[in-house]
Protein backbone atom coordinates (compact mmCIF):
# COMPACT_ATOMS: atom_id res chain seq x y z
CA MET A 1 8.71 25.13 -6.59
CA LYS A 2 11.75 28.30 -7.30
CA TYR A 3 12.14 28.86 -4.00
CA ALA A 4 12.39 24.78 -2.93
CA TYR A 5 15.23 25.15 -5.95
CA LEU A 6 16.85 27.79 -4.31
CA MET A 7 16.24 26.24 -0.83
CA LEU A 8 18.01 22.97 -2.53
CA GLY A 9 21.17 25.07 -4.72
CA CYS A 10 21.48 26.83 -0.90
CA LEU A 11 22.16 23.29 0.96
CA LEU A 12 24.61 22.27 -2.28
CA LEU A 13 26.92 24.72 -2.26
CA ALA A 14 27.27 24.98 1.69
CA SER A 15 28.71 21.70 1.35
CA ILE A 16 26.09 19.83 3.42
CA GLU A 17 24.92 16.33 2.79
CA THR A 18 21.23 16.57 2.28
CA LYS A 19 19.58 13.65 4.51
CA ALA A 20 15.59 12.56 4.23
CA GLN A 21 13.57 9.74 3.30
CA GLN A 22 13.75 9.13 -0.26
CA ASP A 23 11.90 5.71 -1.16
CA ALA A 24 8.37 5.78 -2.18
CA MET A 25 5.71 5.54 0.23
CA TYR A 26 2.02 4.09 -0.14
CA THR A 27 0.27 4.01 2.48
CA GLN A 28 -1.46 1.06 1.11
CA TYR A 29 1.86 -0.65 2.13
CA MET A 30 0.33 -4.22 3.12
CA PHE A 31 -0.37 -4.27 -0.53
CA ASN A 32 3.48 -3.58 -1.67
CA MET A 33 5.34 -5.67 1.06
CA MET A 34 7.82 -7.00 -1.58
CA GLY A 35 9.02 -3.67 -2.13
CA VAL A 36 9.44 -3.13 2.21
CA ASN A 37 10.38 -7.12 2.14
CA PRO A 38 12.11 -9.19 -0.09
CA ALA A 39 11.30 -12.11 2.54
CA TYR A 40 7.34 -11.21 1.44
CA ALA A 41 8.38 -13.27 -1.96
CA GLY A 42 6.31 -16.45 -2.01
CA SER A 43 4.83 -15.33 1.48
CA ARG A 44 1.43 -16.31 -0.36
CA GLY A 45 1.94 -19.27 -1.74
CA ILE A 46 0.98 -18.66 -5.11
CA LEU A 47 1.86 -16.41 -8.67
CA SER A 48 0.45 -12.71 -7.78
CA ALA A 49 0.18 -9.55 -9.37
CA THR A 50 0.41 -6.34 -7.88
CA ALA A 51 0.29 -2.36 -9.42
CA MET A 52 0.22 0.59 -7.86
CA TYR A 53 -1.03 4.05 -8.49
CA ARG A 54 0.70 6.99 -6.37
CA ARG A 55 -0.21 10.64 -7.38
CA GLN A 56 1.10 12.32 -4.36
CA TRP A 57 -0.53 16.50 -3.12
CA VAL A 58 -2.74 16.68 -5.73
CA GLY A 59 -2.71 20.66 -6.90
CA VAL A 60 1.40 20.66 -6.24
CA GLU A 61 3.73 20.92 -9.57
CA GLY A 62 6.48 18.59 -9.39
CA ALA A 63 5.04 16.47 -6.19
CA PRO A 64 5.77 12.98 -6.18
CA GLU A 65 3.74 9.92 -9.02
CA THR A 66 4.35 7.20 -8.55
CA THR A 67 4.61 3.60 -10.43
CA THR A 68 5.22 -0.31 -9.96
CA ILE A 69 4.12 -3.31 -11.14
CA SER A 70 5.34 -7.10 -9.06
CA PHE A 71 4.77 -10.25 -9.43
CA ASP A 72 6.12 -13.31 -7.23
CA MET A 73 5.45 -16.55 -7.08
CA ALA A 74 6.59 -20.23 -4.81
CA THR A 75 8.10 -22.45 -5.90
CA ARG A 76 5.56 -26.32 -5.65
CA ASP A 77 7.08 -27.42 -2.50
CA ASN A 78 6.31 -23.39 -0.91
CA LYS A 79 10.41 -23.46 0.55
CA ILE A 80 11.48 -20.94 -2.42
CA GLY A 81 9.81 -17.82 -3.25
CA LEU A 82 10.55 -15.64 -6.51
CA GLY A 83 9.78 -12.19 -7.74
CA ILE A 84 10.57 -9.83 -10.10
CA GLN A 85 9.33 -5.32 -9.38
CA ALA A 86 10.08 -2.85 -10.92
CA PHE A 87 9.44 1.14 -10.50
CA ASN A 88 8.84 4.57 -11.44
CA ASP A 89 9.08 7.40 -9.50
CA GLN A 90 8.93 11.24 -9.94
CA ILE A 91 9.54 14.20 -7.71
CA GLY A 92 9.45 17.34 -10.10
CA ILE A 93 12.88 17.36 -12.44
CA THR A 94 14.20 14.30 -10.26
CA LYS A 95 13.60 10.79 -12.03
CA THR A 96 14.68 7.28 -10.70
CA THR A 97 13.50 3.90 -12.89
CA GLY A 98 14.15 0.78 -11.42
CA PHE A 99 13.99 -3.02 -11.59
CA TYR A 100 14.45 -5.56 -8.80
CA ALA A 101 14.18 -9.77 -8.48
CA THR A 102 14.05 -11.19 -5.21
CA TYR A 103 15.41 -14.55 -3.63
CA ALA A 104 12.86 -16.08 -0.56
CA TYR A 105 13.98 -19.17 1.50
CA ARG A 106 11.19 -20.11 3.52
CA ILE A 107 11.28 -22.78 6.84
CA ARG A 108 7.43 -23.83 7.59
CA PHE A 109 7.09 -24.74 11.17
CA GLU A 110 4.04 -26.85 13.04
CA ASP A 111 2.08 -24.46 13.98
CA LYS A 112 1.85 -23.54 10.52
CA GLY A 113 3.86 -20.53 9.89
CA SER A 114 7.05 -19.93 8.46
CA LEU A 115 10.66 -18.16 8.21
CA ALA A 116 11.27 -16.65 5.95
CA ILE A 117 15.31 -14.98 4.77
CA GLY A 118 15.07 -13.74 1.80
CA LEU A 119 17.80 -11.35 -0.71
CA GLN A 120 17.19 -8.75 -3.56
CA GLY A 121 19.05 -7.64 -6.29
CA GLY A 122 18.55 -4.78 -9.32
CA ILE A 123 19.58 -1.37 -10.31
CA SER A 124 17.87 2.02 -10.91
CA ASN A 125 18.10 4.93 -13.00
CA TYR A 126 18.33 8.47 -11.09
CA ARG A 127 18.01 11.04 -13.55
CA ALA A 128 17.85 15.03 -12.65
CA ASN A 129 17.53 17.55 -14.99
CA LEU A 130 19.07 20.41 -13.17
CA THR A 131 19.74 22.76 -16.04
CA LYS A 132 15.70 22.92 -16.65
CA VAL A 133 15.05 24.68 -13.09
CA ASP A 134 13.80 28.19 -13.87
CA LEU A 135 16.84 29.54 -11.35
CA ILE A 136 15.70 33.56 -9.75
CA ASP A 137 19.53 34.31 -10.41
CA GLY A 138 20.77 32.83 -13.58
CA GLY A 139 24.46 31.68 -13.36
CA ASP A 140 24.19 29.01 -10.32
CA PRO A 141 26.90 26.41 -10.44
CA ALA A 142 25.13 23.40 -8.85
CA PHE A 143 22.56 23.95 -11.60
CA ALA A 144 25.27 23.87 -14.40
CA GLN A 145 24.68 19.63 -15.30
CA ASN A 146 23.00 17.41 -15.58
CA ILE A 147 23.15 14.38 -13.04
CA ASN A 148 22.05 10.36 -14.53
CA ALA A 149 23.46 7.78 -12.57
CA LEU A 150 23.25 3.82 -12.84
CA LEU A 151 22.96 2.94 -8.84
CA PRO A 152 24.03 -0.84 -7.79
CA SER A 153 20.54 -2.58 -5.56
CA PHE A 154 21.15 -5.15 -2.60
CA GLY A 155 18.75 -5.44 0.04
CA ALA A 156 17.84 -8.88 2.22
CA GLY A 157 14.99 -8.80 4.79
CA ILE A 158 13.71 -11.06 7.75
CA TYR A 159 9.92 -12.45 7.70
CA TYR A 160 7.20 -14.76 9.75
CA ASN A 161 4.00 -15.29 8.78
CA SER A 162 0.90 -17.95 9.82
CA ASP A 163 -2.43 -17.39 8.55
CA ARG A 164 -3.53 -14.70 10.84
CA PHE A 165 0.07 -12.82 11.70
CA TYR A 166 3.44 -11.30 10.68
CA VAL A 167 5.80 -9.33 11.44
CA GLY A 168 9.39 -8.23 9.84
CA PHE A 169 12.60 -6.50 9.27
CA SER A 170 14.55 -5.52 6.51
CA VAL A 171 17.09 -3.41 4.58
CA PRO A 172 15.70 -3.40 0.88
CA ASN A 173 18.73 -1.79 -0.27
CA LEU A 174 22.18 -2.28 2.11
CA VAL A 175 24.56 -0.35 -0.89
CA LYS A 176 25.73 3.46 -0.53
CA SER A 177 25.06 4.99 -3.40
CA TYR A 178 26.42 8.27 -4.17
CA LEU A 179 24.00 10.35 -6.26
CA ARG A 180 26.07 12.89 -7.49
CA LYS A 181 30.21 14.36 -5.59
CA ASP A 182 32.10 16.55 -7.48
CA GLN A 183 33.46 20.06 -6.56
CA ILE A 184 32.40 23.48 -7.81
CA TYR A 185 34.88 26.15 -8.39
CA TYR A 186 37.14 23.86 -6.19
CA VAL A 187 35.80 25.50 -3.61
CA ALA A 188 32.16 23.09 -2.13
CA ASP A 189 32.26 19.55 -2.40
CA VAL A 190 28.75 18.86 -3.75
CA ILE A 191 27.89 15.49 -2.35
CA ALA A 192 24.49 13.32 -2.71
CA LYS A 193 23.86 9.96 -1.06
CA LYS A 194 21.73 7.92 -1.50
CA TYR A 195 21.24 6.27 2.09
CA MET A 196 20.20 2.94 3.89
CA HIS A 197 16.16 2.57 4.90
CA PHE A 198 15.17 0.41 7.50
CA PHE A 199 11.78 -1.30 7.74
CA PHE A 200 9.99 -3.04 10.41
CA ILE A 201 5.98 -4.05 9.70
CA ALA A 202 4.07 -6.23 11.45
CA GLY A 203 0.02 -6.69 10.99
CA TYR A 204 -2.35 -8.90 12.91
CA VAL A 205 -6.36 -10.28 11.96
CA PHE A 206 -8.59 -10.58 15.07
CA ASP A 207 -12.62 -12.53 14.45
CA LEU A 208 -14.93 -10.51 15.43
CA GLY A 209 -18.02 -12.67 14.97
CA GLU A 210 -19.12 -14.38 12.17
CA ASN A 211 -19.22 -11.81 9.06
CA PHE A 212 -16.23 -9.34 10.15
CA LYS A 213 -12.66 -9.14 11.10
CA LEU A 214 -10.64 -6.10 12.38
CA LYS A 215 -7.04 -6.20 10.69
CA PRO A 216 -4.58 -4.10 11.96
CA SER A 217 -1.52 -3.66 10.93
CA THR A 218 2.00 -1.26 11.04
CA LEU A 219 5.59 -0.12 9.06
CA VAL A 220 8.47 1.34 10.98
CA LYS A 221 10.24 3.31 8.72
CA ALA A 222 14.01 4.87 8.97
CA VAL A 223 16.81 6.38 7.09
CA ARG A 224 19.68 8.69 8.86
CA GLY A 225 19.11 12.59 8.32
CA ALA A 226 15.35 11.88 8.96
CA PRO A 227 12.52 11.38 11.76
CA ILE A 228 11.84 7.99 12.35
CA GLN A 229 7.92 7.43 10.66
CA LEU A 230 5.09 4.99 12.04
CA ASP A 231 2.34 3.84 10.22
CA VAL A 232 -0.47 2.60 11.56
CA ASN A 233 -3.38 1.09 10.05
CA ALA A 234 -6.72 -0.56 9.94
CA ASN A 235 -8.72 -2.32 8.17
CA LEU A 236 -12.98 -4.29 8.67
CA TRP A 237 -13.37 -6.95 6.54
CA ILE A 238 -17.03 -7.52 5.76
CA LYS A 239 -18.23 -11.14 4.84
CA ASP A 240 -14.69 -10.91 3.50
CA ILE A 241 -15.96 -8.83 0.50
CA VAL A 242 -15.47 -5.86 1.19
CA ALA A 243 -13.11 -3.80 3.79
CA VAL A 244 -12.65 -0.60 4.76
CA GLY A 245 -9.71 1.18 6.87
CA ALA A 246 -8.59 4.20 8.68
CA SER A 247 -4.43 5.59 8.73
CA TYR A 248 -2.32 7.60 10.74
CA ARG A 249 1.42 8.28 8.79
CA THR A 250 3.04 10.72 11.32
CA GLY A 251 3.26 14.01 10.91
CA ASP A 252 2.48 13.37 7.17
CA ALA A 253 -1.46 12.32 6.31
CA VAL A 254 -4.09 10.32 7.58
CA SER A 255 -6.19 8.38 5.58
CA GLY A 256 -9.32 6.76 4.57
CA LEU A 257 -9.15 2.64 2.58
CA LEU A 258 -11.30 0.92 0.93
CA GLU A 259 -10.71 -2.88 -0.94
CA ILE A 260 -13.19 -4.80 -2.76
CA GLN A 261 -12.74 -8.72 -3.23
CA ALA A 262 -14.23 -8.09 -6.54
CA THR A 263 -13.51 -11.93 -7.50
CA ASN A 264 -11.63 -14.42 -6.13
CA GLN A 265 -8.28 -13.93 -7.75
CA LEU A 266 -8.85 -10.05 -8.37
CA ARG A 267 -8.48 -7.38 -5.21
CA ILE A 268 -8.83 -3.26 -6.13
CA GLY A 269 -8.06 -0.97 -3.56
CA TYR A 270 -8.13 2.65 -2.85
CA ALA A 271 -6.69 4.74 -0.28
CA TYR A 272 -6.93 8.65 -0.01
CA ASP A 273 -4.06 10.91 2.41
CA HIS A 274 -5.41 13.96 3.28
CA THR A 275 -2.30 16.11 4.79
CA VAL A 276 -1.80 16.53 8.16
CA SER A 277 1.47 18.76 7.92
CA ASN A 278 1.34 22.61 6.54
CA LEU A 279 1.25 21.57 3.04
CA VAL A 280 -2.60 21.38 3.71
CA LYS A 281 -3.02 24.80 2.44
CA TYR A 282 -1.21 24.18 -1.51
CA ASN A 283 -2.53 20.59 -2.38
CA GLN A 284 -6.08 18.37 -2.64
CA GLY A 285 -4.62 15.21 -1.03
CA THR A 286 -2.79 12.14 -2.06
CA HIS A 287 -4.98 9.30 -4.06
CA GLU A 288 -3.41 5.64 -4.41
CA ILE A 289 -4.94 2.95 -6.40
CA MET A 290 -4.31 -0.73 -6.28
CA LEU A 291 -4.35 -4.13 -8.87
CA ARG A 292 -3.96 -7.62 -7.47
CA TYR A 293 -4.82 -10.81 -9.78
CA GLU A 294 -3.72 -13.97 -8.15
CA PHE A 295 -3.28 -17.29 -10.50
CA GLY A 296 -3.06 -20.82 -9.24
CA TRP A 297 -0.58 -23.50 -9.56
CA GLU A 298 -4.14 -25.40 -10.49
CA LYS A 299 -7.60 -23.93 -11.82
CA GLY A 300 -9.93 -23.50 -8.75
CA LYS A 301 -6.95 -23.81 -6.28
CA VAL A 302 -6.58 -20.28 -5.14
CA LEU A 303 -7.58 -19.91 -1.77
CA SER A 304 -9.46 -17.13 -0.22
CA PRO A 305 -9.52 -14.92 1.05
CA ARG A 306 -5.46 -13.91 1.98
CA TYR A 307 -5.38 -11.07 4.32
CA PHE A 308 -1.76 -10.24 3.67
């Protein structure tokens, strides 16, 4: 990790604007789509609560660790979706904690599909304990003070779904925020920004006989300064109770997935990522756990199954 910090310091002193994928990633993104696209809120037609925990690159000190909790619901006429989500994302000496509120307006079509336009707003707190870094050479001014910034967020998205198909495009944060902007000895500018992320999602459910359904899905992520990243996923549902699947994230990992519809209201998911980049030599994989609980407007009215 010392070499990683040293490299960061060199980038800052060289006045380079650091650009990379800054939002947290999930292998089970299909269970966290409100975090990807605000127009998803309320699309399931009921009150839904989802919790996810991801521990990335086990064995690497300071590796990403992310927790998120979200609630979303639809009004009784299913025209409006509302949601809230909170998250905590920690990577090494940095930690980001945030809270977002989401609103979606849905237009119903005769083919039982719906088109939603969603907005979200909130705030996050970004902290970096730079003074805690154990430097090889002390006295580096780039690490002379910590960062503690409040970052406003405003995002938008569009989402279409039917019983078997969904597609959407979104920019969860349209605000370009500065994490840090100052000077070192009036010589070099130190600039760190949070850039807009663009997401495209799509998925479909195919019938493979009476007891089997295949659900492929994809997520495309793009942000300035980083390669476009593609997640391709496929889950095979068996009697709408158990699903096994696999996923591939370009340049990063292959994954195995398991889902269990424990009851009509409770779903449990687990994913394991095996790194395919050079980091494979230094970690024992990534673990991700998902819990979703659904509440009906009336007792016994929960519709099952819902595939997305």
